[in-house]
Amino acid sequence: MNNRFLSLLGICRKAGKLSYGYDSVVESVKAGKAAVIFICEDASEKTRKNILFEAERGHVPCVPVSYTLEDMSAAIGKKTKIISINDKGLAEKAQSALEQSTI
């Protein structure tokens, strides 16, 4: 995997600092664990709307990414379109890596 952002997602999963899938992400937001949420470009409009609502309620940034289900799934080893990083430091690194990959 050549992309720093996607590699970092794999590291977060191995460290146990990642929630994936709608229900798991919403649970981490409600528990106050989520530091940032990333949502794939191919997520449905309904899913996007619902996760944005939950993110706003929990005061968690929700960042749309230009990756697909296949990209995210390859990075973490599970099929998902929604991911939350549950560690502030790792979340900042992921956002920085994402910004650098889009420049």
N, C-alpha and C. Protein backbone atom coordinates (compact mmCIF):
# COMPACT_ATOMS: atom_id res chain seq x y z
N MET A 1 0.85 -1.17 0.00
CA MET A 1 0.00 0.00 0.00
C MET A 1 0.90 1.24 0.00
N ASN A 2 0.71 2.08 -0.94
CA ASN A 2 1.58 3.22 -1.16
C ASN A 2 1.07 4.49 -0.51
N ASN A 3 -0.18 4.53 -0.12
CA ASN A 3 -0.80 5.74 0.40
C ASN A 3 -0.63 5.84 1.91
N ARG A 4 -0.09 6.95 2.38
CA ARG A 4 0.18 7.13 3.81
C ARG A 4 -1.11 7.13 4.64
N PHE A 5 -2.17 7.76 4.13
CA PHE A 5 -3.44 7.81 4.85
C PHE A 5 -4.01 6.40 5.05
N LEU A 6 -4.06 5.63 3.97
CA LEU A 6 -4.61 4.28 4.06
C LEU A 6 -3.75 3.38 4.94
N SER A 7 -2.43 3.56 4.87
CA SER A 7 -1.53 2.79 5.73
C SER A 7 -1.78 3.11 7.20
N LEU A 8 -2.02 4.38 7.48
CA LEU A 8 -2.28 4.81 8.85
C LEU A 8 -3.58 4.20 9.38
N LEU A 9 -4.58 4.04 8.51
CA LEU A 9 -5.83 3.39 8.93
C LEU A 9 -5.56 1.96 9.38
N GLY A 10 -4.71 1.26 8.65
CA GLY A 10 -4.34 -0.11 9.03
C GLY A 10 -3.65 -0.14 10.38
N ILE A 11 -2.77 0.82 10.62
CA ILE A 11 -2.07 0.91 11.91
C ILE A 11 -3.07 1.16 13.04
N CYS A 12 -4.03 2.06 12.79
CA CYS A 12 -5.06 2.37 13.80
C CYS A 12 -5.87 1.12 14.14
N ARG A 13 -6.19 0.33 13.13
CA ARG A 13 -6.97 -0.88 13.39
C ARG A 13 -6.18 -1.86 14.24
N LYS A 14 -4.91 -2.05 13.90
CA LYS A 14 -4.06 -2.96 14.67
C LYS A 14 -3.89 -2.48 16.11
N ALA A 15 -3.89 -1.17 16.30
CA ALA A 15 -3.74 -0.60 17.64
C ALA A 15 -5.05 -0.60 18.42
N GLY A 16 -6.15 -0.97 17.77
CA GLY A 16 -7.44 -0.99 18.45
C GLY A 16 -8.06 0.38 18.61
N LYS A 17 -7.65 1.33 17.78
CA LYS A 17 -8.13 2.71 17.87
C LYS A 17 -9.05 3.07 16.71
N LEU A 18 -9.72 2.07 16.14
CA LEU A 18 -10.55 2.29 14.96
C LEU A 18 -11.91 1.65 15.16
N SER A 19 -12.95 2.37 14.77
CA SER A 19 -14.30 1.79 14.70
C SER A 19 -14.70 1.84 13.23
N TYR A 20 -15.38 0.81 12.77
CA TYR A 20 -15.78 0.79 11.37
C TYR A 20 -17.19 0.24 11.25
N GLY A 21 -17.90 0.75 10.25
CA GLY A 21 -19.31 0.39 10.08
C GLY A 21 -20.18 1.41 10.81
N TYR A 22 -21.36 1.61 10.28
CA TYR A 22 -22.25 2.65 10.80
C TYR A 22 -22.52 2.51 12.30
N ASP A 23 -23.00 1.34 12.72
CA ASP A 23 -23.38 1.16 14.12
C ASP A 23 -22.20 1.34 15.07
N SER A 24 -21.06 0.79 14.72
CA SER A 24 -19.88 0.89 15.55
C SER A 24 -19.38 2.33 15.65
N VAL A 25 -19.42 3.06 14.55
CA VAL A 25 -18.98 4.45 14.54
C VAL A 25 -19.92 5.31 15.39
N VAL A 26 -21.23 5.12 15.22
CA VAL A 26 -22.20 5.88 16.01
C VAL A 26 -22.02 5.58 17.50
N GLU A 27 -21.76 4.34 17.83
CA GLU A 27 -21.53 3.96 19.23
C GLU A 27 -20.30 4.66 19.79
N SER A 28 -19.23 4.74 18.99
CA SER A 28 -18.01 5.41 19.47
C SER A 28 -18.23 6.92 19.61
N VAL A 29 -19.07 7.51 18.75
CA VAL A 29 -19.40 8.94 18.87
C VAL A 29 -20.19 9.17 20.16
N LYS A 30 -21.20 8.35 20.40
CA LYS A 30 -22.03 8.52 21.60
C LYS A 30 -21.24 8.29 22.88
N ALA A 31 -20.22 7.42 22.82
CA ALA A 31 -19.39 7.15 24.00
C ALA A 31 -18.30 8.21 24.19
N GLY A 32 -18.20 9.14 23.24
CA GLY A 32 -17.21 10.19 23.34
C GLY A 32 -15.80 9.74 22.96
N LYS A 33 -15.68 8.61 22.28
CA LYS A 33 -14.37 8.08 21.91
C LYS A 33 -13.88 8.58 20.56
N ALA A 34 -14.78 8.82 19.63
CA ALA A 34 -14.41 9.18 18.26
C ALA A 34 -13.76 10.55 18.21
N ALA A 35 -12.60 10.63 17.53
CA ALA A 35 -11.91 11.91 17.34
C ALA A 35 -12.19 12.48 15.96
N VAL A 36 -12.40 11.60 14.98
CA VAL A 36 -12.71 12.03 13.62
C VAL A 36 -13.40 10.87 12.90
N ILE A 37 -14.26 11.21 11.97
CA ILE A 37 -14.96 10.21 11.15
C ILE A 37 -14.59 10.44 9.70
N PHE A 38 -14.31 9.36 8.99
CA PHE A 38 -14.04 9.42 7.56
C PHE A 38 -15.12 8.62 6.84
N ILE A 39 -15.67 9.19 5.78
CA ILE A 39 -16.73 8.52 5.04
C ILE A 39 -16.34 8.46 3.56
N CYS A 40 -16.48 7.29 2.96
CA CYS A 40 -16.09 7.05 1.56
C CYS A 40 -16.96 7.82 0.59
N GLU A 41 -16.41 8.06 -0.58
CA GLU A 41 -17.14 8.78 -1.61
C GLU A 41 -18.32 8.00 -2.16
N ASP A 42 -18.30 6.67 -2.04
CA ASP A 42 -19.40 5.87 -2.58
C ASP A 42 -20.43 5.45 -1.53
N ALA A 43 -20.41 6.12 -0.37
CA ALA A 43 -21.45 5.87 0.64
C ALA A 43 -22.76 6.46 0.14
N SER A 44 -23.87 5.83 0.50
CA SER A 44 -25.17 6.32 0.04
C SER A 44 -25.48 7.68 0.68
N GLU A 45 -26.36 8.41 0.03
CA GLU A 45 -26.74 9.73 0.53
C GLU A 45 -27.41 9.63 1.90
N LYS A 46 -28.21 8.58 2.09
CA LYS A 46 -28.88 8.38 3.38
C LYS A 46 -27.85 8.12 4.49
N THR A 47 -26.88 7.27 4.22
CA THR A 47 -25.83 6.98 5.19
C THR A 47 -25.04 8.23 5.50
N ARG A 48 -24.69 8.97 4.46
CA ARG A 48 -23.93 10.21 4.62
C ARG A 48 -24.69 11.20 5.51
N LYS A 49 -26.00 11.37 5.23
CA LYS A 49 -26.83 12.29 5.99
C LYS A 49 -26.93 11.86 7.46
N ASN A 50 -27.14 10.57 7.69
CA ASN A 50 -27.28 10.06 9.06
C ASN A 50 -25.99 10.18 9.86
N ILE A 51 -24.86 9.88 9.23
CA ILE A 51 -23.60 9.95 9.97
C ILE A 51 -23.21 11.40 10.24
N LEU A 52 -23.53 12.30 9.31
CA LEU A 52 -23.28 13.72 9.54
C LEU A 52 -24.10 14.24 10.72
N PHE A 53 -25.35 13.78 10.83
CA PHE A 53 -26.22 14.15 11.94
C PHE A 53 -25.61 13.69 13.26
N GLU A 54 -25.18 12.42 13.32
CA GLU A 54 -24.59 11.88 14.55
C GLU A 54 -23.27 12.59 14.89
N ALA A 55 -22.49 12.90 13.87
CA ALA A 55 -21.22 13.59 14.09
C ALA A 55 -21.45 14.98 14.66
N GLU A 56 -22.42 15.70 14.12
CA GLU A 56 -22.74 17.03 14.65
C GLU A 56 -23.21 16.96 16.08
N ARG A 57 -24.06 15.99 16.39
CA ARG A 57 -24.54 15.83 17.77
C ARG A 57 -23.41 15.56 18.73
N GLY A 58 -22.42 14.77 18.28
CA GLY A 58 -21.30 14.43 19.15
C GLY A 58 -20.11 15.37 19.03
N HIS A 59 -20.25 16.43 18.22
CA HIS A 59 -19.18 17.41 18.01
C HIS A 59 -17.89 16.75 17.52
N VAL A 60 -18.05 15.84 16.54
CA VAL A 60 -16.93 15.12 15.95
C VAL A 60 -16.83 15.52 14.48
N PRO A 61 -15.63 15.90 14.01
CA PRO A 61 -15.50 16.24 12.59
C PRO A 61 -15.74 15.02 11.70
N CYS A 62 -16.46 15.22 10.62
CA CYS A 62 -16.76 14.16 9.66
C CYS A 62 -16.17 14.58 8.32
N VAL A 63 -15.20 13.82 7.85
CA VAL A 63 -14.44 14.19 6.66
C VAL A 63 -14.76 13.23 5.52
N PRO A 64 -15.33 13.74 4.42
CA PRO A 64 -15.52 12.89 3.25
C PRO A 64 -14.17 12.67 2.58
N VAL A 65 -13.90 11.44 2.18
CA VAL A 65 -12.64 11.12 1.52
C VAL A 65 -12.90 10.63 0.10
N SER A 66 -11.91 10.77 -0.75
CA SER A 66 -12.06 10.38 -2.15
C SER A 66 -11.65 8.92 -2.37
N TYR A 67 -11.86 8.10 -1.36
CA TYR A 67 -11.57 6.67 -1.47
C TYR A 67 -12.88 5.91 -1.52
N THR A 68 -12.83 4.70 -2.08
CA THR A 68 -14.02 3.87 -2.22
C THR A 68 -14.04 2.78 -1.16
N LEU A 69 -15.11 2.02 -1.17
CA LEU A 69 -15.25 0.87 -0.28
C LEU A 69 -14.05 -0.06 -0.43
N GLU A 70 -13.64 -0.32 -1.66
CA GLU A 70 -12.53 -1.24 -1.91
C GLU A 70 -11.22 -0.71 -1.32
N ASP A 71 -10.98 0.60 -1.46
CA ASP A 71 -9.76 1.20 -0.93
C ASP A 71 -9.71 1.08 0.59
N MET A 72 -10.79 1.48 1.24
CA MET A 72 -10.83 1.45 2.71
C MET A 72 -10.79 0.01 3.22
N SER A 73 -11.49 -0.88 2.54
CA SER A 73 -11.52 -2.27 2.96
C SER A 73 -10.15 -2.91 2.85
N ALA A 74 -9.42 -2.59 1.79
CA ALA A 74 -8.06 -3.12 1.63
C ALA A 74 -7.14 -2.60 2.73
N ALA A 75 -7.37 -1.38 3.15
CA ALA A 75 -6.52 -0.77 4.18
C ALA A 75 -6.70 -1.41 5.55
N ILE A 76 -7.94 -1.76 5.90
CA ILE A 76 -8.18 -2.26 7.26
C ILE A 76 -8.55 -3.74 7.31
N GLY A 77 -8.82 -4.34 6.16
CA GLY A 77 -9.14 -5.76 6.13
C GLY A 77 -10.59 -6.08 6.42
N LYS A 78 -11.45 -5.09 6.45
CA LYS A 78 -12.89 -5.26 6.67
C LYS A 78 -13.65 -4.39 5.70
N LYS A 79 -14.80 -4.85 5.23
CA LYS A 79 -15.62 -4.06 4.31
C LYS A 79 -16.35 -2.97 5.09
N THR A 80 -16.09 -1.73 4.70
CA THR A 80 -16.76 -0.61 5.36
C THR A 80 -16.63 0.66 4.54
N LYS A 81 -17.58 1.55 4.72
CA LYS A 81 -17.55 2.85 4.06
C LYS A 81 -17.41 3.98 5.07
N ILE A 82 -17.50 3.64 6.37
CA ILE A 82 -17.41 4.65 7.43
C ILE A 82 -16.41 4.17 8.48
N ILE A 83 -15.52 5.07 8.86
CA ILE A 83 -14.49 4.75 9.85
C ILE A 83 -14.36 5.90 10.82
N SER A 84 -14.17 5.58 12.09
CA SER A 84 -13.80 6.62 13.05
C SER A 84 -12.50 6.22 13.72
N ILE A 85 -11.65 7.20 13.91
CA ILE A 85 -10.41 6.99 14.66
C ILE A 85 -10.67 7.47 16.07
N ASN A 86 -10.37 6.61 17.03
CA ASN A 86 -10.71 6.87 18.42
C ASN A 86 -9.49 7.26 19.26
N ASP A 87 -8.62 8.03 18.66
CA ASP A 87 -7.44 8.54 19.34
C ASP A 87 -7.10 9.89 18.72
N LYS A 88 -7.00 10.91 19.54
CA LYS A 88 -6.81 12.27 19.03
C LYS A 88 -5.51 12.42 18.23
N GLY A 89 -4.42 11.89 18.73
CA GLY A 89 -3.13 12.00 18.04
C GLY A 89 -3.13 11.30 16.69
N LEU A 90 -3.66 10.08 16.66
CA LEU A 90 -3.74 9.35 15.40
C LEU A 90 -4.70 10.02 14.43
N ALA A 91 -5.77 10.60 14.96
CA ALA A 91 -6.73 11.30 14.10
C ALA A 91 -6.07 12.50 13.44
N GLU A 92 -5.26 13.24 14.19
CA GLU A 92 -4.56 14.39 13.62
C GLU A 92 -3.57 13.96 12.54
N LYS A 93 -2.87 12.86 12.80
CA LYS A 93 -1.92 12.35 11.80
C LYS A 93 -2.65 11.90 10.53
N ALA A 94 -3.79 11.25 10.71
CA ALA A 94 -4.56 10.79 9.54
C ALA A 94 -5.07 11.97 8.72
N GLN A 95 -5.56 13.00 9.39
CA GLN A 95 -6.04 14.18 8.67
C GLN A 95 -4.90 14.87 7.94
N SER A 96 -3.74 14.93 8.56
CA SER A 96 -2.57 15.53 7.92
C SER A 96 -2.14 14.71 6.70
N ALA A 97 -2.13 13.40 6.85
CA ALA A 97 -1.77 12.52 5.73
C ALA A 97 -2.77 12.65 4.59
N LEU A 98 -4.04 12.79 4.93
CA LEU A 98 -5.08 12.95 3.92
C LEU A 98 -4.89 14.25 3.16
N GLU A 99 -4.60 15.32 3.88
CA GLU A 99 -4.37 16.62 3.23
C GLU A 99 -3.16 16.58 2.32
N GLN A 100 -2.11 15.91 2.74
CA GLN A 100 -0.90 15.80 1.92
C GLN A 100 -1.12 14.97 0.67
N SER A 101 -1.99 13.97 0.76
CA SER A 101 -2.23 13.11 -0.40
C SER A 101 -3.11 13.78 -1.45
N THR A 102 -3.84 14.84 -1.05
CA THR A 102 -4.70 15.52 -2.00
C THR A 102 -4.07 16.78 -2.58
N ILE A 103 -2.89 17.12 -2.09
CA ILE A 103 -2.21 18.33 -2.60
C ILE A 103 -1.57 18.02 -3.94
